[in-house]
């Protein structure tokens, strides 16, 4: 028989778990595509290294960052407090899309093959090009924030999500 997905709820003493939400500006990221590229998001902005972390330079100004990911064809994506931003020049400059995701706080990314998932303040989204995003609808909790995503390689089409209601 098929296994049915079951939600696991974690209780907390904070109102709806929102006090546990991710904070921006504390990210260290290393590209999986370019071994020399690293980005760091701090309180004073995004810093980048093209030489594996030996030297650092500030990036163009962007909103506080929660997460980075390699996108298709050299595109970099940043999940910010104001939505998804992209860079075509290895993190030197950041731009916003003409897409609703440009205005939705984005906490995390995960990749499953060619599909990129984004955990946001308005639920889980998926994109195949890094530009076009669609909301992933699930039963009753499609608008619940998603703070982190883990793709489960041992569970066909499976993933783990974390948000204010638990796992």
Protein backbone atom coordinates (compact mmCIF):
# COMPACT_ATOMS: atom_id res chain seq x y z
CA UNK A 1 0.00 0.00 0.00
CA UNK A 2 1.08 3.59 -0.51
CA UNK A 3 2.38 5.56 2.42
CA UNK A 4 0.46 8.71 3.15
CA UNK A 5 2.41 11.82 4.10
CA UNK A 6 1.97 12.71 7.74
CA UNK A 7 2.62 16.12 9.25
CA UNK A 8 4.61 16.19 12.47
CA UNK A 9 3.89 19.15 14.71
CA UNK A 10 6.33 20.51 17.26
CA UNK A 11 4.95 22.58 20.09
CA UNK A 12 6.71 25.62 21.42
CA UNK A 13 6.15 28.32 23.99
CA UNK A 14 6.33 31.10 21.41
CA UNK A 15 3.31 32.38 19.50
CA UNK A 16 2.90 30.06 16.54
CA UNK A 17 6.63 29.37 16.37
CA UNK A 18 7.32 32.71 14.68
CA UNK A 19 10.00 33.60 17.23
CA UNK A 20 12.01 30.72 15.80
CA UNK A 21 12.06 32.11 12.24
CA UNK A 22 15.38 32.35 10.41
CA UNK A 23 17.31 35.57 10.74
CA UNK A 24 18.97 37.18 7.75
CA UNK A 25 22.54 38.36 7.34
CA UNK A 26 24.24 35.27 8.75
CA UNK A 27 24.97 33.14 5.69
CA UNK A 28 28.18 31.52 4.47
CA UNK A 29 27.78 29.91 1.04
CA UNK A 30 30.11 28.12 -1.35
CA UNK A 31 29.12 27.46 -4.96
CA UNK A 32 28.64 23.83 -6.00
CA UNK A 33 29.39 24.83 -9.62
CA UNK A 34 32.44 27.11 -9.25
CA UNK A 35 34.92 25.98 -6.57
CA UNK A 36 36.43 29.48 -6.39
CA UNK A 37 33.18 31.35 -5.68
CA UNK A 38 32.02 31.99 -2.12
CA UNK A 39 29.49 34.49 -0.74
CA UNK A 40 28.89 35.72 2.78
CA UNK A 41 25.83 37.69 3.90
CA UNK A 42 26.45 39.79 6.99
CA UNK A 43 24.82 42.75 8.67
CA UNK A 44 26.89 45.07 6.46
CA UNK A 45 25.84 43.39 3.19
CA UNK A 46 27.01 40.64 0.86
CA UNK A 47 30.72 39.94 0.42
CA UNK A 48 32.13 37.76 -2.35
CA UNK A 49 35.32 35.88 -3.06
CA UNK A 50 36.50 34.70 -6.49
CA UNK A 51 39.58 32.91 -5.17
CA UNK A 52 38.21 30.36 -2.72
CA UNK A 53 38.08 32.75 0.24
CA UNK A 54 41.56 34.28 0.15
CA UNK A 55 40.32 37.77 -0.69
CA UNK A 56 36.89 39.39 -0.25
CA UNK A 57 35.09 42.36 -1.82
CA UNK A 58 31.65 43.84 -1.13
CA UNK A 59 28.83 43.09 -3.57
CA UNK A 60 26.35 45.55 -4.92
CA UNK A 61 23.83 46.53 -2.27
CA UNK A 62 20.90 44.13 -1.77
CA UNK A 63 18.34 43.46 0.94
CA UNK A 64 19.36 41.25 3.90
CA UNK A 65 19.97 37.69 2.65
CA UNK A 66 18.73 34.38 4.07
CA UNK A 67 20.14 31.98 1.42
CA UNK A 68 22.01 31.56 -1.88
CA UNK A 69 21.92 28.85 -4.56
CA UNK A 70 23.47 28.15 -7.97
CA UNK A 71 20.83 28.55 -10.66
CA UNK A 72 20.87 27.42 -14.28
CA UNK A 73 23.39 28.77 -16.82
CA UNK A 74 25.60 30.67 -14.37
CA UNK A 75 22.70 32.39 -12.62
CA UNK A 76 22.98 32.90 -8.85
CA UNK A 77 19.87 33.28 -6.70
CA UNK A 78 19.60 35.00 -3.34
CA UNK A 79 16.65 34.65 -0.99
CA UNK A 80 16.21 37.99 0.75
CA UNK A 81 13.85 39.63 3.20
CA UNK A 82 12.21 41.31 0.18
CA UNK A 83 12.13 38.34 -2.23
CA UNK A 84 14.32 36.47 -4.70
CA UNK A 85 17.19 38.37 -6.32
CA UNK A 86 19.49 37.17 -9.10
CA UNK A 87 23.01 37.80 -10.29
CA UNK A 88 24.50 37.05 -13.70
CA UNK A 89 27.99 38.32 -12.74
CA UNK A 90 28.94 35.92 -9.94
CA UNK A 91 27.40 38.01 -7.18
CA UNK A 92 28.85 41.41 -8.05
CA UNK A 93 25.40 42.92 -8.69
CA UNK A 94 21.91 41.77 -7.74
CA UNK A 95 18.61 42.41 -9.55
CA UNK A 96 14.96 41.55 -8.99
CA UNK A 97 12.72 39.59 -11.34
CA UNK A 98 9.46 40.68 -12.92
CA UNK A 99 7.78 37.94 -10.91
CA UNK A 100 5.70 37.78 -7.70
CA UNK A 101 8.66 36.00 -6.04
CA UNK A 102 10.52 39.31 -6.19
CA UNK A 103 8.28 40.52 -3.35
CA UNK A 104 7.94 37.43 -1.12
CA UNK A 105 10.46 36.95 1.70
CA UNK A 106 12.51 33.87 0.76
CA UNK A 107 14.23 31.87 3.51
CA UNK A 108 15.85 28.91 1.72
CA UNK A 109 16.44 26.99 -1.49
CA UNK A 110 16.89 23.32 -2.38
CA UNK A 111 17.63 21.62 -5.69
CA UNK A 112 16.19 18.37 -7.00
CA UNK A 113 17.68 17.82 -10.45
CA UNK A 114 16.69 20.78 -12.62
CA UNK A 115 14.01 21.96 -10.19
CA UNK A 116 14.77 24.58 -7.55
CA UNK A 117 12.48 24.82 -4.54
CA UNK A 118 12.15 28.01 -2.51
CA UNK A 119 10.85 28.20 1.05
CA UNK A 120 9.10 31.51 1.61
CA UNK A 121 6.91 33.43 4.04
CA UNK A 122 3.96 32.39 1.84
CA UNK A 123 4.73 28.69 1.44
CA UNK A 124 6.71 26.45 -0.89
CA UNK A 125 7.47 27.44 -4.50
CA UNK A 126 9.21 25.61 -7.33
CA UNK A 127 11.01 26.90 -10.38
CA UNK A 128 12.61 25.18 -13.35
CA UNK A 129 14.46 28.12 -14.89
CA UNK A 130 15.25 30.28 -11.89
CA UNK A 131 12.87 32.87 -13.31
CA UNK A 132 9.40 31.33 -13.43
CA UNK A 133 8.06 30.24 -10.06
CA UNK A 134 4.87 28.36 -9.21
CA UNK A 135 3.40 27.71 -5.80
CA UNK A 136 3.40 24.11 -4.66
CA UNK A 137 -0.03 23.51 -3.19
CA UNK A 138 -0.57 20.96 -0.49
CA UNK A 139 -3.65 20.24 1.52
CA UNK A 140 -4.47 22.91 4.10
CA UNK A 141 -1.05 24.39 4.69
CA UNK A 142 -0.13 25.93 1.34
CA UNK A 143 0.41 29.39 2.87
CA UNK A 144 2.39 28.27 5.94
CA UNK A 145 5.94 29.70 5.92
CA UNK A 146 8.71 27.28 4.93
CA UNK A 147 11.97 28.04 6.73
CA UNK A 148 14.10 25.15 5.48
CA UNK A 149 13.96 22.35 2.91
CA UNK A 150 15.81 19.04 2.66
CA UNK A 151 15.42 16.86 -0.43
CA UNK A 152 15.24 13.21 0.63
CA UNK A 153 17.26 11.20 -1.92
CA UNK A 154 15.95 7.93 -0.46
CA UNK A 155 12.26 8.84 -0.76
CA UNK A 156 10.94 9.16 -4.32
CA UNK A 157 9.67 12.72 -4.79
CA UNK A 158 10.15 13.26 -1.05
CA UNK A 159 11.31 16.27 0.89
CA UNK A 160 11.30 17.56 4.43
CA UNK A 161 10.02 21.04 5.27
CA UNK A 162 10.44 23.04 8.47
CA UNK A 163 8.27 25.98 9.46
CA UNK A 164 6.38 27.50 12.39
CA UNK A 165 4.12 24.42 12.71
CA UNK A 166 7.01 21.95 12.85
CA UNK A 167 8.41 19.37 10.41
